[in-house]
Amino acid sequence: MKQLSQIYTVLLLITLLSGCSTFNYYAQAIRGHLALTMAGKPVDRFIASEATSPELRHKLILSRQARHFADSRLGLAPGDAFTDYVVLDHPWVVVNLVAVPEFSLQPHQWCYPILGCQAYRGYFHLEDAQREEQRFLTKGYDTFIGGVTAYSTLGWFDDPLHSGFTNLDDDPMVALMFHELAHQVVYIKGDTAFNESFATAAELEGLRLWLAKQGDPSAFQQALARLELRNKTHELTKSTSAELEQLYRQHSVLSENSLRKRKQRIFDELNKNYSRLLKNNGGRENGPFGAAPVAFNNARIALFSQYNQYVPAFRQLLKQSHYDFPEFYRAVEALSQQPEKQRRQALLDLSERFKENF
């Protein structure tokens, strides 16, 4: 009843504040989340059932342990999140659409009455995302649709665990739980880079402590290797972004055909560097962008930056908080209260400090 009451309250608010098209979007989102929630059954029931496979039972027991660790060690206060389990009929729970102008790295912002503006829009059905994507493609935008393993309702509802989580390996599953729970702690309307970088930093540091508790050195080294690969990939995309921004500033003096050719050369070079990076990291087949070559465009670069841009800053802030998570969250909350310009400068300063110390 609590979930239904909250959903209908949100739906009523949206009806009052939104036009028809926006209402239709919210209606599909609420229907999708309601269907997900109503399909959930208690995790404990699955664990106790003889019909549950040993592999799934292991993952569900692990999820209970991760919830307890998130509460007791990371101060993430999961409440009733992840206490129900849902079997999905596809590997993602939603798909996100990102749309960026052809000669820009600033993603289109979708604005909502409750959440503020975000640089992506989520859909429970791929066909709905593709219809919205087509609207941007006709305007010449770069777009990207990606499957999302999990999302957070920011504590408004009791988000369920689902097969998108349990299909992952143990450590990535636990890390993803930490990431989604972190969104309930601090969230700034309209600042996707802040929100996702904070949650990613909390996920990484939470996983580090989790693996230390498990006493599994090999798993910890693997986690460090994945983190190092992500950091190196981020450096590549930062360099590429700088080149693209310099190119796009010449929009008024170069023809669009010339811009497109130079843009493609920059992405071709990124593909070469990304392939080389994977090869030099143990010959990995997959990295943060998947296997090489990648169909790079502005949307893919912008999305990756949103999740990684300020991760070093938040890791530095946690270090300055002596790895006391409640103190860290208070510092993040204080940072979130600053005006946008000062907040971004503070994050850049913290990032530089992180690089100096690590």
Foldseek 3Di string as FASTA:
>chain_A
DLLVVLLVVVLVVCVVVDDDVVSVQVVQVSVLQVVQVVQWDFLVVLLPDPPRDPLVNVLSVLVVVLQVCCVPPQVLCLDLAARTEHEDPDLFQKKKKWKAAQQDLDIDWDQDPPQATDRIGIGRDPVVNVVVVVVRVVVRIDMDIDGHLDAEPLPSDRHHHYVNLSVDPRLVSSLVVQLRSQSNLDGFHPQLLLNQLLSNLSSLVSSLVVCVVVVDVVVNVVSVLLVVLLVVLLVLLVVLNVVSNVLSVCPVPDDPVVSVVVNVVSLVVSLVVNCVSCCVSVVDQQHPQGGPPHPDGSRVSSVSCSNHVQNQLLNLLCVVVVVRNVSSSVVSNVLSPDPPVVSVVSSVVSNVVSVVVD
